[in-house]
Amino acid sequence: MGMSIMAMVVVGLNHKTAPVAVREQLAIAEPDLAEPLAQFRHPMLNELVILSTCNRVEIYMETGDTAACTAACTDFFATYREVEAAAVEPHLVYRYDTEAVRHLFRVAASLDSLVVGEPQILGQVKAAYMAARQAGRTGSVFHQLFDRALGVGKAVRHETGINDNAVSVSYAAVELAKKIFESLHQRTAMVLGAGETSELAARHLVRQGVTSIFVANRTHERAVRLAQALQGKAIAWDNVEEHLAHTDIVVSSTAAPEPIVDKAMVQRVMRARRRQAMFFIDIAVPRDIDP
């Protein structure tokens, strides 16, 4: 059975069109999607899904007035985060109808990812769709469309083997740490955040032989669970700076709206370490480590 789409529009930006300094201003953490889903309204907007990941922020719309909803979406990008429109608009990409559908399928299949074949995007697309559905912003068109997109994403993985040799951004970051330190044996690591990205990075670090690993998260219970799984040590959020002085590699991927490690903190830590090298890997959007 075919889908009858009045008009589909995707407006967004990603790692190809916008630097992290722009993406982090517009990023929306998954638990916070309900608010923008409720706020973005237009008389001609029929269905809505908002996808926000480390590398992209995209708004998917099914609409009866393409021009009006596209303009409203462009305005929403700037006003929701109180960002100057002139700073956002040059980075936005607009896709319509067949091109928009094809783009969604490419995203779900990880063909448009920073690391092609990475495993996380399919779950992120599903979570974005489920959030929109729970908020009452989807109907029959997007139910069918996203169901197909998720099916395509799974099929591409199973039938092509695209993710057999794929790596996540977390894995790539740890591989970079190996190049800097030559070997991770006898090195101590710290993971800030206890979500999926942090867990992936932490497991890669353990497999590469780090001697010990600290885990910190604002919700301490989650840090404890991850630390136990890794045979590491959970530390209190307020004690992060104290433990940084004994850490060689820091991987940070939280959903904090502001940096959690600033220049002054790093300067104090480096003095305590007597200038021994440290490697910070910031894979959060917005950034966790003040550039």
C-alpha atoms as a PDB file:
ATOM      1  CA  MET A   1       0.000   0.000   0.000  1.00  0.00           C
ATOM      2  CA  GLY A   2       1.473   3.351  -1.013  1.00  0.00           C
ATOM      3  CA  MET A   3       1.768   6.483   1.073  1.00  0.00           C
ATOM      4  CA  SER A   4      -0.127   9.632   0.135  1.00  0.00           C
ATOM      5  CA  ILE A   5       2.051  12.567   1.175  1.00  0.00           C
ATOM      6  CA  MET A   6       0.694  16.079   0.709  1.00  0.00           C
ATOM      7  CA  ALA A   7       4.232  17.466   0.896  1.00  0.00           C
ATOM      8  CA  MET A   8       7.241  16.380   2.902  1.00  0.00           C
ATOM      9  CA  VAL A   9       9.981  18.776   3.930  1.00  0.00           C
ATOM     10  CA  VAL A  10      13.219  18.231   5.852  1.00  0.00           C
ATOM     11  CA  VAL A  11      15.024  21.286   7.177  1.00  0.00           C
ATOM     12  CA  GLY A  12      18.257  20.794   9.066  1.00  0.00           C
ATOM     13  CA  LEU A  13      21.984  20.931   9.413  1.00  0.00           C
ATOM     14  CA  ASN A  14      24.646  18.322  10.021  1.00  0.00           C
ATOM     15  CA  HIS A  15      28.387  17.705  10.306  1.00  0.00           C
ATOM     16  CA  LYS A  16      28.792  18.458   6.596  1.00  0.00           C
ATOM     17  CA  THR A  17      27.056  21.832   6.621  1.00  0.00           C
ATOM     18  CA  ALA A  18      27.704  23.284  10.077  1.00  0.00           C
ATOM     19  CA  PRO A  19      30.640  23.387  12.511  1.00  0.00           C
ATOM     20  CA  VAL A  20      30.162  22.031  16.010  1.00  0.00           C
ATOM     21  CA  ALA A  21      29.945  25.608  17.344  1.00  0.00           C
ATOM     22  CA  VAL A  22      26.674  26.005  15.430  1.00  0.00           C
ATOM     23  CA  ARG A  23      25.344  22.476  15.963  1.00  0.00           C
ATOM     24  CA  GLU A  24      25.779  22.654  19.719  1.00  0.00           C
ATOM     25  CA  GLN A  25      23.650  25.785  19.923  1.00  0.00           C
ATOM     26  CA  LEU A  26      20.716  24.002  18.314  1.00  0.00           C
ATOM     27  CA  ALA A  27      21.120  20.503  19.758  1.00  0.00           C
ATOM     28  CA  ILE A  28      18.221  19.091  21.756  1.00  0.00           C
ATOM     29  CA  ALA A  29      18.792  16.216  24.166  1.00  0.00           C
ATOM     30  CA  GLU A  30      16.472  13.260  23.591  1.00  0.00           C
ATOM     31  CA  PRO A  31      14.674  13.641  26.958  1.00  0.00           C
ATOM     32  CA  ASP A  32      13.956  17.297  26.089  1.00  0.00           C
ATOM     33  CA  LEU A  33      12.266  16.692  22.729  1.00  0.00           C
ATOM     34  CA  ALA A  34       8.748  17.002  24.156  1.00  0.00           C
ATOM     35  CA  GLU A  35       9.075  20.775  24.602  1.00  0.00           C
ATOM     36  CA  PRO A  36      10.022  21.748  21.017  1.00  0.00           C
ATOM     37  CA  LEU A  37       7.572  19.175  19.669  1.00  0.00           C
ATOM     38  CA  ALA A  38       4.836  20.950  21.609  1.00  0.00           C
ATOM     39  CA  GLN A  39       6.017  24.461  20.748  1.00  0.00           C
ATOM     40  CA  PHE A  40       6.507  24.225  16.988  1.00  0.00           C
ATOM     41  CA  ARG A  41       3.040  24.831  15.543  1.00  0.00           C
ATOM     42  CA  HIS A  42       1.684  26.032  12.221  1.00  0.00           C
ATOM     43  CA  PRO A  43      -1.867  25.765  10.819  1.00  0.00           C
ATOM     44  CA  MET A  44      -0.587  23.909   7.748  1.00  0.00           C
ATOM     45  CA  LEU A  45       1.794  21.589   9.612  1.00  0.00           C
ATOM     46  CA  ASN A  46       0.242  18.136   9.766  1.00  0.00           C
ATOM     47  CA  GLU A  47       2.986  15.910  11.143  1.00  0.00           C
ATOM     48  CA  LEU A  48       6.337  16.581  12.786  1.00  0.00           C
ATOM     49  CA  VAL A  49       9.455  14.682  13.890  1.00  0.00           C
ATOM     50  CA  ILE A  50      12.597  16.309  15.320  1.00  0.00           C
ATOM     51  CA  LEU A  51      15.865  14.377  15.071  1.00  0.00           C
ATOM     52  CA  SER A  52      18.785  15.693  17.125  1.00  0.00           C
ATOM     53  CA  THR A  53      22.067  13.788  17.455  1.00  0.00           C
ATOM     54  CA  CYS A  54      25.701  14.735  17.970  1.00  0.00           C
ATOM     55  CA  ASN A  55      26.098  15.330  14.257  1.00  0.00           C
ATOM     56  CA  ARG A  56      22.721  16.590  13.043  1.00  0.00           C
ATOM     57  CA  VAL A  57      19.594  18.526  13.949  1.00  0.00           C
ATOM     58  CA  GLU A  58      16.753  17.984  11.474  1.00  0.00           C
ATOM     59  CA  ILE A  59      13.036  18.750  11.416  1.00  0.00           C
ATOM     60  CA  TYR A  60      10.836  16.450   9.334  1.00  0.00           C
ATOM     61  CA  MET A  61       7.460  17.876   8.336  1.00  0.00           C
ATOM     62  CA  GLU A  62       4.410  16.698   6.428  1.00  0.00           C
ATOM     63  CA  THR A  63       2.554  19.805   5.367  1.00  0.00           C
ATOM     64  CA  GLY A  64      -0.145  21.298   3.217  1.00  0.00           C
ATOM     65  CA  ASP A  65       1.898  24.447   2.557  1.00  0.00           C
ATOM     66  CA  THR A  66       5.560  23.822   1.852  1.00  0.00           C
ATOM     67  CA  ALA A  67       6.663  27.453   1.658  1.00  0.00           C
ATOM     68  CA  ALA A  68       4.903  28.568   4.839  1.00  0.00           C
ATOM     69  CA  CYS A  69       6.083  25.651   6.946  1.00  0.00           C
ATOM     70  CA  THR A  70       9.639  25.881   5.621  1.00  0.00           C
ATOM     71  CA  ALA A  71       9.781  29.551   6.614  1.00  0.00           C
ATOM     72  CA  ALA A  72       8.251  28.788  10.019  1.00  0.00           C
ATOM     73  CA  CYS A  73      10.789  26.005  10.542  1.00  0.00           C
ATOM     74  CA  THR A  74      13.714  28.282   9.676  1.00  0.00           C
ATOM     75  CA  ASP A  75      12.423  30.836  12.184  1.00  0.00           C
ATOM     76  CA  PHE A  76      11.916  28.123  14.803  1.00  0.00           C
ATOM     77  CA  PHE A  77      15.526  26.991  14.549  1.00  0.00           C
ATOM     78  CA  ALA A  78      16.651  30.474  15.567  1.00  0.00           C
ATOM     79  CA  THR A  79      13.956  31.469  18.059  1.00  0.00           C
ATOM     80  CA  TYR A  80      13.760  28.222  20.037  1.00  0.00           C
ATOM     81  CA  ARG A  81      17.405  28.485  21.043  1.00  0.00           C
ATOM     82  CA  GLU A  82      17.512  32.303  20.903  1.00  0.00           C
ATOM     83  CA  VAL A  83      20.182  32.268  18.204  1.00  0.00           C
ATOM     84  CA  GLU A  84      20.585  34.942  15.557  1.00  0.00           C
ATOM     85  CA  ALA A  85      18.913  33.757  12.356  1.00  0.00           C
ATOM     86  CA  ALA A  86      21.888  35.009  10.331  1.00  0.00           C
ATOM     87  CA  ALA A  87      24.123  32.594  12.244  1.00  0.00           C
ATOM     88  CA  VAL A  88      21.906  29.612  11.462  1.00  0.00           C
ATOM     89  CA  GLU A  89      20.420  30.058   7.999  1.00  0.00           C
ATOM     90  CA  PRO A  90      23.652  29.671   5.957  1.00  0.00           C
ATOM     91  CA  HIS A  91      24.068  26.177   7.396  1.00  0.00           C
ATOM     92  CA  LEU A  92      20.536  24.893   6.812  1.00  0.00           C
ATOM     93  CA  VAL A  93      19.723  22.426   4.043  1.00  0.00           C
ATOM     94  CA  TYR A  94      16.208  22.088   2.635  1.00  0.00           C
ATOM     95  CA  ARG A  95      14.905  18.862   1.102  1.00  0.00           C
ATOM     96  CA  TYR A  96      11.468  18.275  -0.389  1.00  0.00           C
ATOM     97  CA  ASP A  97       9.210  15.345  -1.210  1.00  0.00           C
ATOM     98  CA  THR A  98      11.117  12.466  -2.861  1.00  0.00           C
ATOM     99  CA  GLU A  99      14.485  13.940  -1.936  1.00  0.00           C
ATOM    100  CA  ALA A 100      13.311  14.314   1.681  1.00  0.00           C
ATOM    101  CA  VAL A 101      12.138  10.685   1.817  1.00  0.00           C
ATOM    102  CA  ARG A 102      15.396   9.464   0.277  1.00  0.00           C
ATOM    103  CA  HIS A 103      17.352  11.509   2.820  1.00  0.00           C
ATOM    104  CA  LEU A 104      15.492   9.938   5.754  1.00  0.00           C
ATOM    105  CA  PHE A 105      16.249   6.476   4.391  1.00  0.00           C
ATOM    106  CA  ARG A 106      19.936   7.362   3.979  1.00  0.00           C
ATOM    107  CA  VAL A 107      20.088   8.691   7.538  1.00  0.00           C
ATOM    108  CA  ALA A 108      18.419   5.589   8.993  1.00  0.00           C
ATOM    109  CA  ALA A 109      20.782   3.354   7.020  1.00  0.00           C
ATOM    110  CA  SER A 110      23.817   5.275   8.351  1.00  0.00           C
ATOM    111  CA  LEU A 111      24.842   6.277   4.832  1.00  0.00           C
ATOM    112  CA  ASP A 112      24.801   9.947   5.815  1.00  0.00           C
ATOM    113  CA  SER A 113      26.679   9.503   9.099  1.00  0.00           C
ATOM    114  CA  LEU A 114      30.069  10.931   9.999  1.00  0.00           C
ATOM    115  CA  VAL A 115      31.222   7.314  10.255  1.00  0.00           C
ATOM    116  CA  VAL A 116      29.321   5.359   7.569  1.00  0.00           C
ATOM    117  CA  GLY A 117      27.787   2.217   9.032  1.00  0.00           C
ATOM    118  CA  GLU A 118      27.943   3.392  12.644  1.00  0.00           C
ATOM    119  CA  PRO A 119      25.383   1.518  14.728  1.00  0.00           C
ATOM    120  CA  GLN A 120      23.742   4.237  16.814  1.00  0.00           C
ATOM    121  CA  ILE A 121      21.777   6.278  14.281  1.00  0.00           C
ATOM    122  CA  LEU A 122      19.034   3.697  13.700  1.00  0.00           C
ATOM    123  CA  GLY A 123      18.121   3.775  17.384  1.00  0.00           C
ATOM    124  CA  GLN A 124      18.260   7.567  17.382  1.00  0.00           C
ATOM    125  CA  VAL A 125      15.849   7.799  14.442  1.00  0.00           C
ATOM    126  CA  LYS A 126      13.473   5.395  16.199  1.00  0.00           C
ATOM    127  CA  ALA A 127      13.690   7.393  19.442  1.00  0.00           C
ATOM    128  CA  ALA A 128      12.940  10.647  17.582  1.00  0.00           C
ATOM    129  CA  TYR A 129       9.913   9.093  15.912  1.00  0.00           C
ATOM    130  CA  MET A 130       8.643   7.595  19.193  1.00  0.00           C
ATOM    131  CA  ALA A 131       9.011  10.953  20.959  1.00  0.00           C
ATOM    132  CA  ALA A 132       6.961  12.639  18.233  1.00  0.00           C
ATOM    133  CA  ARG A 133       4.358   9.888  18.338  1.00  0.00           C
ATOM    134  CA  GLN A 134       4.076  10.160  22.117  1.00  0.00           C
ATOM    135  CA  ALA A 135       3.630  13.930  21.743  1.00  0.00           C
ATOM    136  CA  GLY A 136       0.789  13.389  19.299  1.00  0.00           C
ATOM    137  CA  ARG A 137       2.646  14.990  16.388  1.00  0.00           C
ATOM    138  CA  THR A 138       2.581  12.052  13.959  1.00  0.00           C
ATOM    139  CA  GLY A 139      -0.209  10.524  11.907  1.00  0.00           C
ATOM    140  CA  SER A 140      -0.698   7.832   9.300  1.00  0.00           C
ATOM    141  CA  VAL A 141       1.833   9.273   6.824  1.00  0.00           C
ATOM    142  CA  PHE A 142       4.778   9.405   9.220  1.00  0.00           C
ATOM    143  CA  HIS A 143       3.737   6.125  10.860  1.00  0.00           C
ATOM    144  CA  GLN A 144       4.207   4.413   7.490  1.00  0.00           C
ATOM    145  CA  LEU A 145       7.217   6.478   6.435  1.00  0.00           C
ATOM    146  CA  PHE A 146       9.303   6.007   9.564  1.00  0.00           C
ATOM    147  CA  ASP A 147       8.339   2.344   9.808  1.00  0.00           C
ATOM    148  CA  ARG A 148       9.699   1.898   6.292  1.00  0.00           C
ATOM    149  CA  ALA A 149      12.800   3.969   7.026  1.00  0.00           C
ATOM    150  CA  LEU A 150      13.611   1.833  10.060  1.00  0.00           C
ATOM    151  CA  GLY A 151      13.019  -1.298   7.996  1.00  0.00           C
ATOM    152  CA  VAL A 152      15.357  -0.003   5.284  1.00  0.00           C
ATOM    153  CA  GLY A 153      17.987   0.802   7.901  1.00  0.00           C
ATOM    154  CA  LYS A 154      17.861  -2.730   9.278  1.00  0.00           C
ATOM    155  CA  ALA A 155      17.858  -4.287   5.809  1.00  0.00           C
ATOM    156  CA  VAL A 156      20.899  -2.305   4.681  1.00  0.00           C
ATOM    157  CA  ARG A 157      22.829  -3.512   7.716  1.00  0.00           C
ATOM    158  CA  HIS A 158      21.818  -7.157   7.351  1.00  0.00           C
ATOM    159  CA  GLU A 159      22.062  -7.464   3.578  1.00  0.00           C
ATOM    160  CA  THR A 160      25.125  -5.370   2.774  1.00  0.00           C
ATOM    161  CA  GLY A 161      27.310  -5.889   5.835  1.00  0.00           C
ATOM    162  CA  ILE A 162      27.890  -2.123   5.913  1.00  0.00           C
ATOM    163  CA  ASN A 163      28.511  -2.148   9.657  1.00  0.00           C
ATOM    164  CA  ASP A 164      30.696  -5.278   9.750  1.00  0.00           C
ATOM    165  CA  ASN A 165      33.824  -3.145   9.765  1.00  0.00           C
ATOM    166  CA  ALA A 166      32.237   0.134  10.795  1.00  0.00           C
ATOM    167  CA  VAL A 167      33.369   1.968  13.867  1.00  0.00           C
ATOM    168  CA  SER A 168      31.559   4.388  16.097  1.00  0.00           C
ATOM    169  CA  VAL A 169      32.864   7.866  16.827  1.00  0.00           C
ATOM    170  CA  SER A 170      33.663   6.526  20.309  1.00  0.00           C
ATOM    171  CA  TYR A 171      35.875   3.805  18.840  1.00  0.00           C
ATOM    172  CA  ALA A 172      37.606   6.249  16.522  1.00  0.00           C
ATOM    173  CA  ALA A 173      38.335   8.528  19.480  1.00  0.00           C
ATOM    174  CA  VAL A 174      39.959   5.709  21.440  1.00  0.00           C
ATOM    175  CA  GLU A 175      42.033   4.720  18.405  1.00  0.00           C
ATOM    176  CA  LEU A 176      43.291   8.303  18.297  1.00  0.00           C
ATOM    177  CA  ALA A 177      44.270   8.033  21.967  1.00  0.00           C
ATOM    178  CA  LYS A 178      46.346   4.956  21.072  1.00  0.00           C
ATOM    179  CA  LYS A 179      48.233   6.946  18.455  1.00  0.00           C
ATOM    180  CA  ILE A 180      49.012   9.682  20.963  1.00  0.00           C
ATOM    181  CA  PHE A 181      50.145   7.423  23.812  1.00  0.00           C
ATOM    182  CA  GLU A 182      51.399   4.499  21.643  1.00  0.00           C
ATOM    183  CA  SER A 183      49.973   2.095  24.212  1.00  0.00           C
ATOM    184  CA  LEU A 184      47.107   2.493  26.673  1.00  0.00           C
ATOM    185  CA  HIS A 185      48.583  -0.009  29.097  1.00  0.00           C
ATOM    186  CA  GLN A 186      49.468   1.675  32.399  1.00  0.00           C
ATOM    187  CA  ARG A 187      47.154   4.572  31.492  1.00  0.00           C
ATOM    188  CA  THR A 188      44.205   5.779  33.531  1.00  0.00           C
ATOM    189  CA  ALA A 189      41.006   6.930  31.876  1.00  0.00           C
ATOM    190  CA  MET A 190      37.922   8.860  32.940  1.00  0.00           C
ATOM    191  CA  VAL A 191      34.518   8.775  31.261  1.00  0.00           C
ATOM    192  CA  LEU A 192      32.152  11.675  31.867  1.00  0.00           C
ATOM    193  CA  GLY A 193      28.575  10.616  31.226  1.00  0.00           C
ATOM    194  CA  ALA A 194      27.022   7.163  31.431  1.00  0.00           C
ATOM    195  CA  GLY A 195      24.932   7.046  28.257  1.00  0.00           C
ATOM    196  CA  GLU A 196      25.391   4.784  25.236  1.00  0.00           C
ATOM    197  CA  THR A 197      28.186   6.836  23.651  1.00  0.00           C
ATOM    198  CA  SER A 198      30.130   6.997  26.907  1.00  0.00           C
ATOM    199  CA  GLU A 199      29.658   3.283  27.492  1.00  0.00           C
ATOM    200  CA  LEU A 200      30.948   2.454  24.004  1.00  0.00           C
ATOM    201  CA  ALA A 201      34.045   4.588  24.585  1.00  0.00           C
ATOM    202  CA  ALA A 202      34.609   3.094  28.019  1.00  0.00           C
ATOM    203  CA  ARG A 203      34.396  -0.469  26.723  1.00  0.00           C
ATOM    204  CA  HIS A 204      36.874   0.326  23.930  1.00  0.00           C
ATOM    205  CA  LEU A 205      39.268   1.803  26.491  1.00  0.00           C
ATOM    206  CA  VAL A 206      39.055  -1.299  28.685  1.00  0.00           C
ATOM    207  CA  ARG A 207      39.640  -3.590  25.702  1.00  0.00           C
ATOM    208  CA  GLN A 208      42.727  -1.552  24.811  1.00  0.00           C
ATOM    209  CA  GLY A 209      44.201  -2.207  28.227  1.00  0.00           C
ATOM    210  CA  VAL A 210      43.792   0.921  30.363  1.00  0.00           C
ATOM    211  CA  THR A 211      44.894   0.140  33.897  1.00  0.00           C
ATOM    212  CA  SER A 212      41.926   1.772  35.586  1.00  0.00           C
ATOM    213  CA  ILE A 213      38.864   3.769  34.613  1.00  0.00           C
ATOM    214  CA  PHE A 214      36.809   6.334  36.495  1.00  0.00           C
ATOM    215  CA  VAL A 215      33.153   6.938  35.623  1.00  0.00           C
ATOM    216  CA  ALA A 216      31.300  10.107  36.602  1.00  0.00           C
ATOM    217  CA  ASN A 217      27.713  11.042  35.890  1.00  0.00           C
ATOM    218  CA  ARG A 218      25.329  13.584  37.389  1.00  0.00           C
ATOM    219  CA  THR A 219      23.059  10.673  38.301  1.00  0.00           C
ATOM    220  CA  HIS A 220      25.512   8.736  40.426  1.00  0.00           C
ATOM    221  CA  GLU A 221      23.549   5.471  40.277  1.00  0.00           C
ATOM    222  CA  ARG A 222      24.112   5.290  36.510  1.00  0.00           C
ATOM    223  CA  ALA A 223      27.841   5.865  37.020  1.00  0.00           C
ATOM    224  CA  VAL A 224      27.896   3.044  39.555  1.00  0.00           C
ATOM    225  CA  ARG A 225      26.177   0.605  37.176  1.00  0.00           C
ATOM    226  CA  LEU A 226      28.559   1.390  34.316  1.00  0.00           C
ATOM    227  CA  ALA A 227      31.626   1.281  36.569  1.00  0.00           C
ATOM    228  CA  GLN A 228      30.600  -2.115  37.923  1.00  0.00           C
ATOM    229  CA  ALA A 229      30.167  -3.470  34.390  1.00  0.00           C
ATOM    230  CA  LEU A 230      33.674  -2.270  33.528  1.00  0.00           C
ATOM    231  CA  GLN A 231      35.312  -3.163  36.835  1.00  0.00           C
ATOM    232  CA  GLY A 232      36.043   0.529  37.189  1.00  0.00           C
ATOM    233  CA  LYS A 233      35.352   3.089  39.894  1.00  0.00           C
ATOM    234  CA  ALA A 234      32.370   5.414  40.052  1.00  0.00           C
ATOM    235  CA  ILE A 235      33.217   8.867  41.369  1.00  0.00           C
ATOM    236  CA  ALA A 236      30.988  11.656  42.592  1.00  0.00           C
ATOM    237  CA  TRP A 237      30.302  14.424  40.096  1.00  0.00           C
ATOM    238  CA  ASP A 238      31.688  17.012  42.492  1.00  0.00           C
ATOM    239  CA  ASN A 239      34.978  15.095  42.700  1.00  0.00           C
ATOM    240  CA  VAL A 240      35.749  15.085  38.963  1.00  0.00           C
ATOM    241  CA  GLU A 241      38.482  17.728  39.174  1.00  0.00           C
ATOM    242  CA  GLU A 242      40.235  15.917  42.024  1.00  0.00           C
ATOM    243  CA  HIS A 243      40.422  12.694  39.983  1.00  0.00           C
ATOM    244  CA  LEU A 244      41.436  14.444  36.767  1.00  0.00           C
ATOM    245  CA  ALA A 245      44.849  14.972  38.321  1.00  0.00           C
ATOM    246  CA  HIS A 246      45.304  11.181  38.187  1.00  0.00           C
ATOM    247  CA  THR A 247      43.833  10.680  34.699  1.00  0.00           C
ATOM    248  CA  ASP A 248      45.611  10.437  31.336  1.00  0.00           C
ATOM    249  CA  ILE A 249      42.630  10.134  28.993  1.00  0.00           C
ATOM    250  CA  VAL A 250      39.256  11.853  29.398  1.00  0.00           C
ATOM    251  CA  VAL A 251      36.263  10.949  27.238  1.00  0.00           C
ATOM    252  CA  SER A 252      33.280  13.206  27.713  1.00  0.00           C
ATOM    253  CA  SER A 253      29.789  12.727  26.318  1.00  0.00           C
ATOM    254  CA  THR A 254      27.139  14.220  28.567  1.00  0.00           C
ATOM    255  CA  ALA A 255      23.979  16.144  27.773  1.00  0.00           C
ATOM    256  CA  ALA A 256      25.094  19.184  29.781  1.00  0.00           C
ATOM    257  CA  PRO A 257      23.992  22.500  28.235  1.00  0.00           C
ATOM    258  CA  GLU A 258      27.247  24.224  29.270  1.00  0.00           C
ATOM    259  CA  PRO A 259      30.908  23.076  29.380  1.00  0.00           C
ATOM    260  CA  ILE A 260      31.735  21.022  32.458  1.00  0.00           C
ATOM    261  CA  VAL A 261      35.518  21.273  32.094  1.00  0.00           C
ATOM    262  CA  ASP A 262      36.835  24.801  31.619  1.00  0.00           C
ATOM    263  CA  LYS A 263      40.274  26.263  30.966  1.00  0.00           C
ATOM    264  CA  ALA A 264      40.885  27.214  34.603  1.00  0.00           C
ATOM    265  CA  MET A 265      40.125  23.662  35.751  1.00  0.00           C
ATOM    266  CA  VAL A 266      42.531  22.191  33.205  1.00  0.00           C
ATOM    267  CA  GLN A 267      45.245  24.626  34.254  1.00  0.00           C
ATOM    268  CA  ARG A 268      44.866  23.598  37.906  1.00  0.00           C
ATOM    269  CA  VAL A 269      44.899  19.917  36.972  1.00  0.00           C
ATOM    270  CA  MET A 270      48.000  20.305  34.801  1.00  0.00           C
ATOM    271  CA  ARG A 271      49.839  22.010  37.648  1.00  0.00           C
ATOM    272  CA  ALA A 272      48.908  19.116  39.943  1.00  0.00           C
ATOM    273  CA  ARG A 273      50.149  16.654  37.290  1.00  0.00           C
ATOM    274  CA  ARG A 274      53.394  18.583  36.849  1.00  0.00           C
ATOM    275  CA  ARG A 275      52.527  19.106  33.181  1.00  0.00           C
ATOM    276  CA  GLN A 276      52.296  15.417  32.304  1.00  0.00           C
ATOM    277  CA  ALA A 277      50.334  15.014  29.069  1.00  0.00           C
ATOM    278  CA  MET A 278      46.576  14.521  29.086  1.00  0.00           C
ATOM    279  CA  PHE A 279      44.253  13.719  26.195  1.00  0.00           C
ATOM    280  CA  PHE A 280      40.702  15.089  26.209  1.00  0.00           C
ATOM    281  CA  ILE A 281      38.150  13.584  23.817  1.00  0.00           C
ATOM    282  CA  ASP A 282      34.966  15.628  23.644  1.00  0.00           C
ATOM    283  CA  ILE A 283      32.233  13.865  21.679  1.00  0.00           C
ATOM    284  CA  ALA A 284      29.356  15.767  23.234  1.00  0.00           C
ATOM    285  CA  VAL A 285      27.107  18.270  21.498  1.00  0.00           C
ATOM    286  CA  PRO A 286      26.933  20.848  23.017  1.00  0.00           C
ATOM    287  CA  ARG A 287      30.607  20.534  23.914  1.00  0.00           C
ATOM    288  CA  ASP A 288      31.525  19.433  27.445  1.00  0.00           C
ATOM    289  CA  ILE A 289      35.066  20.804  27.337  1.00  0.00           C
ATOM    290  CA  ASP A 290      35.502  24.520  26.888  1.00  0.00           C
ATOM    291  CA  PRO A 291      37.472  24.996  23.640  1.00  0.00           C
END
